[in-house]
Protein backbone atom coordinates (compact mmCIF):
# COMPACT_ATOMS: atom_id res chain seq x y z
CA MET A 1 8.22 1.08 7.04
CA ARG A 2 12.13 1.51 6.95
CA SER A 3 14.44 1.13 10.04
CA ARG A 4 17.48 3.05 9.01
CA GLY A 5 17.81 4.77 12.39
CA GLU A 6 17.77 1.72 14.04
CA PHE A 7 20.22 0.08 11.90
CA LEU A 8 22.54 2.82 11.81
CA ARG A 9 22.97 2.92 15.69
CA PHE A 10 23.74 -0.65 15.60
CA PHE A 11 26.39 -0.36 12.88
CA LEU A 12 28.18 2.45 14.65
CA LEU A 13 28.01 1.13 18.21
CA VAL A 14 29.05 -2.32 17.01
CA GLY A 15 30.73 -1.97 13.61
CA VAL A 16 33.62 0.52 14.55
CA CYS A 17 34.70 -2.07 16.81
CA LEU A 18 35.20 -4.87 14.16
CA PRO A 19 38.46 -4.56 12.37
CA PHE A 20 38.47 -5.99 8.71
CA GLY A 21 40.16 -8.86 9.86
CA GLY A 22 37.00 -10.08 11.57
CA GLY A 23 38.62 -10.60 15.19
CA LEU A 24 37.97 -8.56 18.07
CA ALA A 25 40.72 -5.59 18.24
CA ARG A 26 40.78 -2.00 18.87
CA ALA A 27 39.80 0.16 15.81
CA VAL A 28 38.42 3.54 16.09
CA PRO A 29 35.84 3.38 18.69
CA ALA A 30 33.64 6.51 19.80
CA GLN A 31 34.20 7.89 22.97
CA ALA A 32 32.55 6.30 26.52
CA GLY A 33 31.14 8.38 29.12
CA ASP A 34 29.79 11.69 29.20
CA PRO A 35 29.41 12.41 25.66
CA VAL A 36 29.21 16.38 26.20
CA GLN A 37 32.95 16.11 28.02
CA SER A 38 34.16 13.58 25.21
CA GLU A 39 33.01 15.89 22.43
CA ALA A 40 34.75 18.95 24.09
CA LYS A 41 38.04 16.80 24.82
CA LEU A 42 38.17 15.70 21.00
CA ARG A 43 37.48 19.12 19.69
CA ALA A 44 40.38 20.30 21.90
CA ALA A 45 42.50 17.47 20.57
CA MET A 46 41.93 18.65 17.28
CA GLU A 47 42.94 22.17 17.87
CA ARG A 48 45.90 20.79 19.31
CA SER A 49 46.65 18.29 16.34
CA PRO A 50 44.59 19.57 13.47
CA GLU A 51 46.50 16.61 11.30
CA ASN A 52 45.82 13.95 13.32
CA ALA A 53 43.07 11.78 11.50
CA THR A 54 42.19 9.63 14.50
CA TYR A 55 40.57 12.55 16.24
CA ALA A 56 38.48 13.42 13.37
CA ALA A 57 37.22 9.95 12.90
CA ARG A 58 36.09 9.53 16.57
CA LEU A 59 34.48 12.74 16.94
CA GLY A 60 32.76 11.97 13.96
CA ALA A 61 31.46 8.36 15.37
CA LEU A 62 30.58 10.21 18.42
CA LEU A 63 28.36 12.57 16.65
CA ALA A 64 27.10 10.05 14.32
CA SER A 65 26.01 8.02 17.61
CA GLU A 66 23.86 11.37 18.62
CA ASN A 67 22.19 11.30 14.96
CA ARG A 68 24.30 14.53 14.19
CA GLN A 69 24.60 13.10 10.80
CA GLU A 70 25.85 16.34 9.16
CA GLU A 71 28.33 17.01 11.39
CA ALA A 72 29.52 13.57 11.52
CA SER A 73 30.04 13.45 7.78
CA GLU A 74 32.08 16.73 7.68
CA LEU A 75 34.05 15.32 10.29
CA PHE A 76 34.76 11.53 8.41
CA GLU A 77 35.52 13.49 5.03
CA LYS A 78 38.26 15.55 7.00
CA ALA A 79 39.60 12.31 8.25
CA LEU A 80 39.73 10.65 5.01
CA ARG A 81 41.29 13.89 3.58
CA LEU A 82 44.04 13.49 6.05
CA ASN A 83 44.12 9.41 5.49
CA PRO A 84 42.16 8.37 2.55
CA GLY A 85 43.18 4.43 3.21
CA ASP A 86 41.11 4.59 6.48
CA GLN A 87 38.29 2.15 5.27
CA GLU A 88 36.73 2.12 8.38
CA THR A 89 36.15 5.88 8.47
CA ARG A 90 35.05 5.42 5.05
CA ARG A 91 32.55 2.85 6.00
CA ASN A 92 31.06 4.91 9.15
CA LEU A 93 30.83 7.85 6.33
CA ALA A 94 28.94 5.49 4.10
CA ALA A 95 26.62 4.81 7.14
CA SER A 96 25.98 8.48 7.81
CA HIS A 97 25.44 9.40 4.27
CA TRP A 98 22.87 6.52 4.13
CA ARG A 99 20.83 8.14 7.15
CA LEU A 100 21.07 11.40 5.60
CA GLY A 101 19.25 9.99 2.22
CA ARG A 102 22.60 10.65 0.24
CA LEU A 103 22.40 6.84 -1.26
CA ALA A 104 24.54 7.35 -4.19
CA GLU A 105 27.68 8.86 -2.49
CA ALA A 106 26.86 5.95 0.39
CA ARG A 107 27.15 3.30 -2.53
CA GLU A 108 30.25 4.75 -4.09
CA ASN A 109 31.99 4.72 -0.45
CA LEU A 110 30.89 1.12 0.33
CA GLN A 111 32.11 -0.06 -3.23
CA THR A 112 35.49 1.40 -2.56
CA VAL A 113 35.74 0.10 0.95
CA LEU A 114 34.63 -3.71 -0.61
CA LYS A 115 37.53 -3.13 -3.54
CA VAL A 116 39.97 -3.22 -0.67
CA HIS A 117 38.37 -5.25 1.83
CA PRO A 118 35.81 -7.54 0.01
CA GLU A 119 35.37 -9.63 2.82
CA ASP A 120 33.89 -6.72 5.09
CA SER A 121 30.49 -8.42 6.13
CA LEU A 122 29.22 -5.06 7.32
CA ALA A 123 30.04 -3.18 4.51
CA ILE A 124 28.29 -5.91 2.28
CA LEU A 125 25.34 -5.37 4.59
CA LEU A 126 25.17 -1.85 4.73
CA LEU A 127 25.59 -1.91 0.63
CA GLY A 128 22.81 -4.05 0.60
CA LEU A 129 20.57 -1.53 2.44
CA VAL A 130 21.62 1.00 0.40
CA SER A 131 20.78 -0.75 -2.50
CA GLU A 132 17.43 -1.67 -1.39
CA ASP A 133 16.87 2.01 -0.74
CA LEU A 134 17.82 2.91 -4.37
CA GLY A 135 15.49 0.51 -5.73
CA ASP A 136 18.25 -1.77 -6.94
CA HIS A 137 16.19 -4.93 -5.56
CA PRO A 138 18.48 -7.65 -7.46
CA SER A 139 21.48 -6.23 -5.96
CA ALA A 140 20.16 -5.92 -2.47
CA ALA A 141 18.83 -9.43 -2.57
CA LYS A 142 22.27 -11.07 -3.74
CA LEU A 143 24.58 -8.71 -0.96
CA LEU A 144 22.14 -9.48 1.95
CA GLU A 145 21.88 -13.07 1.17
CA SER A 146 25.77 -13.43 1.07
CA VAL A 147 26.11 -12.39 4.86
CA PRO A 148 23.15 -14.25 6.36
CA GLN A 149 24.91 -14.48 10.11
CA VAL A 150 25.03 -10.11 10.08
CA VAL A 151 21.38 -9.97 8.53
CA ARG A 152 19.90 -12.59 11.32
CA GLN A 153 21.39 -10.34 14.13
CA ARG A 154 18.74 -7.64 13.85
CA PRO A 155 15.25 -7.74 12.57
CA ALA A 156 15.95 -4.44 10.74
CA SER A 157 18.08 -5.99 8.34
CA VAL A 158 15.90 -9.30 7.97
CA SER A 159 13.17 -6.52 6.88
CA ALA A 160 15.32 -5.16 4.08
CA LEU A 161 15.99 -8.43 2.67
CA ALA A 162 12.09 -9.06 2.42
CA ARG A 163 11.39 -6.18 0.95
CA ALA A 164 13.76 -6.94 -1.99
CA TYR A 165 12.49 -10.49 -2.15
CA TYR A 166 9.00 -9.07 -2.26
CA HIS A 167 9.67 -6.62 -5.06
CA LEU A 168 11.35 -9.55 -7.04
CA GLY A 169 8.11 -11.40 -6.87
CA GLU A 170 9.86 -14.40 -4.72
CA GLN A 171 7.06 -14.12 -1.74
CA LYS A 172 7.95 -17.60 -0.34
CA LYS A 173 11.80 -16.27 0.29
CA ALA A 174 10.47 -13.26 1.99
CA ARG A 175 8.09 -14.87 4.01
CA GLU A 176 10.88 -17.83 5.23
CA ALA A 177 12.95 -14.94 5.93
CA LEU A 178 10.36 -12.95 8.13
CA LEU A 179 8.82 -15.84 9.95
CA ASP A 180 12.31 -17.02 10.87
CA LEU A 181 12.19 -14.21 13.42
CA LEU A 182 9.56 -15.96 15.41
CA TYR A 183 12.69 -17.73 16.60
CA HIS A 184 14.44 -14.75 17.39
CA PRO A 185 11.66 -12.46 19.44
CA ASP A 186 13.98 -10.48 21.45
CA ASP A 187 13.81 -7.36 19.65
CA VAL A 188 10.23 -6.87 19.79
CA GLN A 189 10.40 -3.54 17.71
CA GLY A 190 12.23 -4.98 14.92
CA VAL A 191 9.62 -7.83 15.00
CA PHE A 192 6.68 -5.31 14.89
CA GLN A 193 8.43 -3.63 11.71
CA ALA A 194 9.23 -6.83 10.22
CA ALA A 195 5.24 -7.52 10.38
CA ARG A 196 4.54 -4.22 8.99
CA THR A 197 6.79 -4.90 6.12
CA ALA A 198 4.70 -8.00 5.49
CA ALA A 199 1.42 -6.04 5.67
CA GLU A 200 2.66 -3.34 3.34
CA PHE A 201 3.42 -5.90 0.57
CA GLY A 202 -0.10 -7.85 1.13
CA ASP A 203 1.57 -10.56 2.89
CA TYR A 204 -1.00 -10.26 5.54
CA ASP A 205 -1.00 -13.79 6.67
CA THR A 206 2.77 -13.65 7.56
CA ALA A 207 2.32 -10.11 9.29
CA GLN A 208 -0.73 -11.83 11.34
CA LYS A 209 1.94 -14.36 12.75
CA LEU A 210 4.14 -11.77 13.61
CA PHE A 211 2.11 -9.52 15.00
CA SER A 212 0.36 -12.38 17.07
CA ALA A 213 3.73 -13.47 18.58
CA LEU A 214 4.16 -10.06 20.10
CA ARG A 215 1.14 -9.97 22.13
CA ALA A 216 2.83 -11.33 25.51
CA THR A 217 5.72 -8.53 24.86
CA TYR A 218 5.12 -5.59 22.82
CA PRO A 219 4.86 -2.32 24.85
CA ASP A 220 2.30 -0.59 23.14
CA HIS A 221 -0.88 -3.06 23.28
CA GLY A 222 -3.19 -0.75 21.45
CA ILE A 223 -1.29 -0.25 18.45
CA LEU A 224 -0.45 -3.83 18.30
CA GLU A 225 -4.13 -4.75 18.13
CA TYR A 226 -4.79 -2.09 16.07
CA ASN A 227 -2.19 -3.73 13.32
CA ILE A 228 -3.33 -7.18 13.90
CA ALA A 229 -7.28 -5.89 13.26
CA LEU A 230 -5.91 -4.02 10.32
CA SER A 231 -4.19 -7.26 8.86
CA GLU A 232 -7.61 -9.20 9.59
CA PHE A 233 -9.49 -6.73 7.87
CA SER A 234 -7.08 -6.59 4.52
CA VAL A 235 -7.85 -10.15 4.03
CA GLY A 236 -11.62 -9.85 4.49
CA ARG A 237 -11.99 -11.09 7.98
CA PHE A 238 -14.31 -8.28 8.95
CA ALA A 239 -15.89 -10.21 11.99
CA ASP A 240 -12.45 -11.00 13.30
CA SER A 241 -10.99 -7.53 13.10
CA GLU A 242 -14.27 -6.10 14.60
CA LYS A 243 -13.75 -8.54 17.59
CA THR A 244 -10.06 -7.38 18.05
CA LEU A 245 -10.84 -4.01 17.86
CA GLN A 246 -13.79 -3.89 20.30
CA ALA A 247 -11.51 -5.82 22.83
CA ALA A 248 -8.56 -3.39 22.49
CA ILE A 249 -11.07 -0.28 23.17
CA ALA A 250 -12.71 -2.08 25.94
CA THR A 251 -9.28 -2.74 27.47
CA GLY A 252 -7.13 0.20 26.50
CA VAL A 253 -7.22 3.74 25.51
CA PRO A 254 -9.16 4.12 21.95
CA THR A 255 -8.18 6.06 19.49
CA ALA A 256 -9.44 7.68 16.18
CA ASP A 257 -7.94 4.97 14.08
CA MET A 258 -9.47 2.30 15.80
CA TYR A 259 -12.98 3.74 15.47
CA ALA A 260 -12.14 4.42 11.79
CA LEU A 261 -11.35 0.95 11.18
CA LEU A 262 -14.29 -0.43 13.33
CA GLY A 263 -16.60 1.66 11.19
CA TRP A 264 -15.16 -0.03 8.07
CA CYS A 265 -15.67 -3.49 9.55
CA TYR A 266 -19.06 -2.65 10.27
CA GLN A 267 -19.93 -1.16 6.84
CA ARG A 268 -18.36 -4.19 5.06
CA GLN A 269 -20.65 -6.47 7.26
CA GLY A 270 -23.74 -4.22 6.45
CA LYS A 271 -23.99 -2.83 9.61
CA HIS A 272 -24.61 0.49 8.43
CA VAL A 273 -26.14 2.28 11.50
CA GLU A 274 -23.05 0.93 13.54
CA ALA A 275 -20.55 2.25 10.94
CA VAL A 276 -21.87 5.91 11.17
CA HIS A 277 -21.71 6.00 14.72
CA SER A 278 -18.29 4.51 14.92
CA PHE A 279 -17.00 7.29 12.52
CA GLN A 280 -18.99 9.94 14.69
CA ARG A 281 -16.69 8.56 17.54
CA ALA A 282 -13.31 8.66 15.59
CA ILE A 283 -14.14 12.22 14.65
CA GLY A 284 -14.89 13.13 18.37
CA LEU A 285 -11.41 11.76 19.23
CA ASP A 286 -9.97 13.66 16.48
CA SER A 287 -11.61 16.77 14.54
CA SER A 288 -8.16 17.76 13.16
CA ARG A 289 -8.09 15.04 10.42
CA ASP A 290 -10.36 15.61 7.16
CA THR A 291 -9.81 11.90 6.23
CA LEU A 292 -12.38 10.93 9.06
CA PHE A 293 -14.82 13.15 7.81
CA LEU A 294 -14.43 12.14 4.32
CA ASP A 295 -14.60 8.54 5.36
CA LEU A 296 -17.85 9.25 7.11
CA ALA A 297 -19.10 11.03 3.82
CA GLU A 298 -18.08 7.69 1.77
CA VAL A 299 -20.02 5.72 3.93
CA LEU A 300 -23.21 7.57 4.06
CA SER A 301 -22.74 7.78 0.04
CA GLU A 302 -22.45 3.86 0.02
CA ASN A 303 -25.55 3.75 2.24
CA LYS A 304 -27.29 5.96 -0.37
CA ASP A 305 -27.59 9.14 2.10
CA PHE A 306 -26.06 11.28 -0.78
CA GLN A 307 -27.38 14.68 0.91
CA GLY A 308 -25.91 13.58 4.20
CA ALA A 309 -22.62 12.73 2.40
CA LEU A 310 -22.78 16.26 0.66
CA GLU A 311 -23.30 18.14 3.68
CA ILE A 312 -20.24 16.81 5.57
CA ILE A 313 -18.18 17.56 2.22
CA ARG A 314 -19.31 20.95 2.46
CA ARG A 315 -18.14 21.45 6.07
CA VAL A 316 -14.88 20.06 5.07
CA LEU A 317 -14.35 22.11 2.42
CA LYS A 318 -15.00 25.10 4.45
CA VAL A 319 -12.63 24.20 7.04
CA PHE A 320 -9.64 21.99 5.32
CA PRO A 321 -7.81 22.79 2.30
CA PRO A 322 -9.34 21.45 -1.12
CA SER A 323 -8.85 17.62 -1.75
CA ALA A 324 -9.06 15.48 -4.67
CA ARG A 325 -10.96 13.05 -2.89
CA ALA A 326 -13.40 15.62 -1.44
CA TYR A 327 -14.19 16.76 -4.94
CA GLU A 328 -14.24 12.92 -6.23
CA LEU A 329 -16.82 12.09 -3.57
CA VAL A 330 -19.01 15.29 -4.53
CA GLY A 331 -18.81 13.81 -8.16
CA SER A 332 -20.01 10.39 -6.95
CA ALA A 333 -22.65 11.78 -5.05
CA LYS A 334 -23.80 13.96 -8.07
CA LEU A 335 -23.57 11.03 -10.52
CA HIS A 336 -25.96 8.64 -8.23
CA GLN A 337 -28.39 11.84 -8.00
CA ALA A 338 -28.60 11.60 -11.92
CA GLU A 339 -26.77 14.98 -12.46
CA PRO A 340 -24.11 13.71 -14.51
CA LYS A 341 -23.07 17.29 -15.85
CA ALA A 342 -22.25 18.57 -12.44
CA ALA A 343 -20.60 15.26 -11.66
CA VAL A 344 -18.31 16.01 -14.90
CA GLU A 345 -17.34 19.46 -13.29
CA TRP A 346 -16.56 18.02 -9.90
CA TYR A 347 -14.50 15.22 -10.97
CA LEU A 348 -12.52 17.64 -13.23
CA LYS A 349 -11.80 19.81 -10.19
CA ALA A 350 -10.24 16.80 -8.35
CA GLN A 351 -8.30 16.10 -11.72
CA LYS A 352 -6.85 19.37 -11.68
CA ILE A 353 -5.44 19.33 -8.05
CA ALA A 354 -4.39 15.67 -8.63
CA PRO A 355 -3.32 15.31 -11.99
CA ALA A 356 -1.91 11.82 -11.35
CA ASP A 357 -4.69 10.54 -9.64
CA ALA A 358 -6.26 7.61 -11.54
CA GLU A 359 -9.64 7.90 -9.53
CA ALA A 360 -10.41 11.48 -10.70
CA SER A 361 -9.76 10.57 -14.40
CA LEU A 362 -11.91 7.68 -14.14
CA GLY A 363 -14.60 9.66 -12.83
CA VAL A 364 -14.45 12.05 -15.46
CA ALA A 365 -14.88 9.49 -17.91
CA VAL A 366 -17.76 7.61 -16.12
CA ALA A 367 -19.54 11.00 -15.67
CA GLN A 368 -19.01 11.96 -19.14
CA TRP A 369 -20.65 8.73 -20.41
CA ALA A 370 -23.50 9.11 -18.05
CA ALA A 371 -23.99 12.46 -19.59
CA ASN A 372 -24.10 10.95 -23.23
CA GLU A 373 -21.03 12.90 -23.54
CA THR A 374 -19.88 9.84 -25.84
CA GLU A 375 -16.80 11.25 -27.72
CA GLN A 376 -15.35 13.15 -24.89
CA ALA A 377 -15.87 9.71 -22.83
CA ARG A 378 -14.35 7.61 -25.38
CA ASN A 379 -11.26 10.03 -25.42
CA SER A 380 -10.89 9.99 -21.49
CA PHE A 381 -11.24 6.36 -21.35
CA GLU A 382 -8.68 5.94 -24.03
CA GLN A 383 -6.31 8.35 -22.36
CA GLY A 384 -6.83 6.63 -18.98
CA THR A 385 -6.08 3.19 -19.68
CA THR A 386 -3.02 4.27 -21.63
CA ARG A 387 -1.68 6.41 -18.83
CA TYR A 388 -2.73 3.79 -16.40
CA PRO A 389 -2.43 0.37 -17.49
CA GLY A 390 -2.34 -1.48 -14.31
CA ASN A 391 -5.65 0.09 -13.36
CA ALA A 392 -8.04 -2.86 -13.45
CA MET A 393 -11.21 -0.51 -13.01
CA PHE A 394 -10.14 1.53 -15.86
CA HIS A 395 -10.03 -1.09 -18.33
CA LEU A 396 -13.46 -2.82 -17.01
CA GLN A 397 -15.32 0.63 -16.97
CA TYR A 398 -13.94 1.45 -20.61
CA ALA A 399 -15.13 -2.22 -21.63
CA GLU A 400 -18.52 -1.67 -20.12
CA PHE A 401 -18.89 1.84 -22.12
CA LEU A 402 -17.71 0.12 -25.39
CA LEU A 403 -20.24 -2.92 -24.77
CA ASP A 404 -22.99 -0.11 -24.44
CA LEU A 405 -22.03 1.11 -27.78
CA ALA A 406 -22.30 -2.23 -29.30
CA GLU A 407 -25.70 -2.59 -27.46
CA ALA A 408 -26.75 0.66 -29.34
CA GLY A 409 -25.83 -0.83 -32.72
CA ASP A 410 -21.84 -0.37 -33.37
CA ARG A 411 -20.65 -4.01 -33.18
CA SER A 412 -17.16 -2.70 -34.32
CA VAL A 413 -16.27 -1.86 -30.89
CA GLU A 414 -16.51 -5.48 -29.73
CA PRO A 415 -13.06 -6.54 -30.45
CA ARG A 416 -11.56 -3.83 -28.03
CA ALA A 417 -14.08 -4.13 -25.22
CA GLY A 418 -12.52 -7.85 -25.20
CA GLU A 419 -9.39 -6.65 -25.07
CA HIS A 420 -9.89 -4.50 -22.05
CA LEU A 421 -12.04 -7.15 -20.23
CA GLN A 422 -8.72 -9.50 -20.67
CA ALA A 423 -6.75 -6.87 -19.45
CA CYS A 424 -8.92 -6.55 -16.25
CA LEU A 425 -8.73 -10.28 -15.74
CA LYS A 426 -4.84 -10.57 -16.30
CA LEU A 427 -4.74 -7.91 -13.26
CA GLU A 428 -7.51 -8.96 -11.35
CA PRO A 429 -8.53 -12.76 -12.12
CA SER A 430 -11.47 -12.88 -9.61
CA ASN A 431 -13.24 -9.91 -10.56
CA PRO A 432 -16.80 -11.02 -11.10
CA GLU A 433 -17.90 -8.14 -13.13
CA ALA A 434 -15.17 -8.51 -15.82
CA HIS A 435 -16.11 -12.36 -15.98
CA TYR A 436 -19.73 -11.29 -16.37
CA TYR A 437 -19.35 -8.91 -19.13
CA LEU A 438 -16.93 -11.20 -21.05
CA GLY A 439 -19.82 -13.49 -20.74
CA ARG A 440 -22.29 -11.10 -22.01
CA LEU A 441 -19.99 -10.07 -24.71
CA LEU A 442 -19.69 -14.03 -26.12
CA LEU A 443 -23.44 -14.32 -25.79
CA GLN A 444 -23.98 -11.26 -28.26
CA GLN A 445 -20.99 -13.06 -30.55
CA GLU A 446 -23.36 -16.43 -30.38
CA LYS A 447 -20.54 -18.33 -28.65
CA TYR A 448 -22.93 -19.56 -26.26
CA GLU A 449 -20.76 -22.69 -24.34
CA ASP A 450 -17.76 -19.99 -24.05
CA ALA A 451 -20.29 -17.67 -22.40
CA VAL A 452 -22.00 -20.00 -20.11
CA ALA A 453 -18.32 -20.90 -19.10
CA GLU A 454 -17.80 -17.10 -18.11
CA LEU A 455 -20.78 -16.67 -16.61
CA LYS A 456 -20.61 -19.46 -14.33
CA VAL A 457 -17.13 -18.22 -13.10
CA ALA A 458 -18.92 -14.93 -12.38
CA GLU A 459 -22.02 -16.64 -10.49
CA ASN A 460 -19.57 -18.61 -8.21
CA LEU A 461 -17.72 -15.12 -7.43
CA SER A 462 -20.84 -13.10 -6.83
CA PRO A 463 -23.65 -15.36 -6.31
CA GLN A 464 -26.10 -12.30 -5.62
CA GLY A 465 -25.72 -10.84 -8.98
CA ALA A 466 -29.09 -10.60 -10.34
CA THR A 467 -27.64 -9.48 -13.90
CA ILE A 468 -25.22 -12.26 -14.09
CA HIS A 469 -28.45 -15.05 -13.46
CA TYR A 470 -30.45 -12.97 -15.93
CA ALA A 471 -27.42 -13.52 -18.58
CA LEU A 472 -26.76 -17.21 -17.65
CA GLY A 473 -30.66 -17.77 -18.41
CA ARG A 474 -30.31 -16.11 -21.62
CA ALA A 475 -27.08 -18.65 -22.60
CA TYR A 476 -28.88 -21.51 -21.07
CA GLN A 477 -32.17 -20.80 -23.13
CA LYS A 478 -29.99 -20.37 -26.38
CA LEU A 479 -28.41 -23.75 -25.99
CA GLY A 480 -31.87 -25.23 -25.25
CA ARG A 481 -31.22 -25.92 -21.84
CA LEU A 482 -34.48 -24.61 -20.77
CA GLU A 483 -34.85 -26.18 -17.19
CA GLU A 484 -31.36 -24.66 -16.39
CA ALA A 485 -32.69 -21.37 -17.81
CA ALA A 486 -35.94 -21.19 -15.75
CA LYS A 487 -34.24 -21.76 -12.64
CA GLU A 488 -31.69 -18.84 -13.50
CA ASN A 489 -34.56 -16.42 -14.45
CA GLU A 490 -36.27 -17.28 -11.21
CA LYS A 491 -33.28 -16.52 -9.24
CA PHE A 492 -32.75 -13.23 -11.24
CA ARG A 493 -36.56 -12.33 -10.43
CA TYR A 494 -35.96 -12.86 -6.61
CA LEU A 495 -32.63 -10.86 -6.75
CA LYS A 496 -33.80 -8.09 -8.76
CA LYS A 497 -36.76 -7.64 -6.25
CA GLN A 498 -34.30 -7.38 -3.46
CA GLU A 499 -32.16 -4.89 -5.43
CA GLU A 500 -35.28 -2.71 -6.08
CA SER A 501 -36.40 -2.68 -2.60
CA GLU A 502 -33.04 -1.71 -1.28
CA GLY A 503 -32.82 0.73 -4.04
CA SER A 504 -30.65 -0.06 -7.29
CA THR A 505 -27.86 2.40 -8.63
CA SER A 506 -27.43 0.59 -11.82
CA THR A 507 -29.19 -0.78 -14.72
CA PRO A 508 -28.55 -4.31 -16.30
CA SER A 509 -26.14 -2.73 -18.78
CA GLY A 510 -23.87 -1.53 -16.15
CA LYS A 511 -24.40 2.13 -17.47
CA PRO A 512 -24.51 4.58 -14.55
CA ASP A 513 -27.84 6.31 -13.68
CA GLY A 514 -28.29 9.81 -15.19
C-alpha cells in the first residue's frame, strides 16, 4: 500500500520551510494558528493585492495541508504565473499533483525545479516517489538512493525505495532497506506499511520480522495479529497461523477476515469440519460479502461436497451480482460431477464476465477436454498459453492434454508437450506434477535414466502421489532394477487404496473425470 497522503503532509509541513540552500531560513510557510481564520486573512490579502504571488503560494500551502489539493493546485499555478521563478512553489505544486495522481505533470515540474536547483534533496525524493508510481523503477531507485538521509527520515519513502528494488528483482537491497526500520521504530504506522510492502512482494520473512517488532506498540492489536497470521499462512506455516489467529480472537474483537483466514488454515491442515464452521462464523459476522460465501463453497468443493457448494452458490447468485468466480466454482463442481458439457457452459459464462481471467479460460479448455471436444480444447489451450505465457498451470494442463493425445496414438504431439512442461518448470521449478509428467514423457520416449531422475524429484516434492510411484516403478523395471521397482509398486498400491477410500477425482493419466 502506498502512503502518498502521509508523505505529502510531511513534505508540505517540513519541505516548505527548507530553502534551496539547505540551511534553515524563512521560505513560504503555511499559516499557523486557526486555519479558518488564516484562510480568511489570506483571501482578503489576495483581494487587496491580486498580483502578489506570495499570498497565493501561502494559501495554496494552507489548503494543501488540509488535503484540498484541487484548490491548492490552482493557487500554486496562479502564484507561478505571477512569479515563474519561484521553485519552492513549483515543488509544492508537484506535490499536490502527485497527491491527485497527476503524475506526468508532477514529474515535469520537479524536473524543472531540479534544472535550477539540482541539489534540492526534497525535490529529488519526490521525483523518486513519482517515478515509482509511474512504474519507472530504475529511475525511482536511482533517485531515492541518491538522498539516503532524507529517505530514512520516513518509513513511507523507505517503502517506496523497497518497492522499486522488488520490481527490479533486487530482493536483498529491498530487504535491507526495510529491515533498517527496525532500528527506527518510532513511526509505527510507517513500519506497518513497510511490512505490508514486503508481504505484497512475497517477502514474508521480512514482513514477519517487521510486523512482530510492532507487537508492543501498534495501536490495533487485531489488525496486526491478522497480518502476522497472513504472513505465516503465506509461507505454509498453517499451524502457526492458526495459533496466532486463535490467540487474537480470544483476546480481542474477532472479525470476519480473521475467521475466514482461520478457515483456510484449518482446510490446509485437513481439518475440514473446523474449516466449514470457521467460514460460517465469518459469514455470521459479515453477510454482506459474497467472497465469504464463495470461500465456503470452495472449501465444500475441495471436501467433495459438491451439492452443498452448488446450493451456496445458487444463494449467492440470487443475492449478489454475478461474478466470474461464482461461475467458475459451478463449472468446477459440474466437472467433478461428470457433467463436462455443463461445466463448459458455466466456464464460458465466467469468461464472458471476465475476458481477461486466466482461470475462466483454463476452465473452458479443461472442461472441453473432459467433454471429448478435442479440437475445441486444443484451440482453447493454444490460445490460453499464448495469451497467458506466465501462467504455469495453463502450460501444465496443456501438456497433460497433449500427453493424453500421445497415449491415444498421436506421438507427434510429444515434443510440444515437453515444451510446455519445461515452460511450467521455468515458472514453478518445484511443481511436482510438472516433474511427474516430464518423467512420464521421458519414460514413453524410452529415456529411462532421465525418467527416473525427473520422477525422483517429483517423489521428493510429493511423496504421497500414488501415480508418481507407479511411473517410477515402471522406469525401474525397464532398467532391470527389479527390487526398487517392487518397492515403488508396493507404495503405489498402498497409496492408491488410500485415494480410493477417500474418493479420487482423477485417473493416473491426469485427465479430468467425465
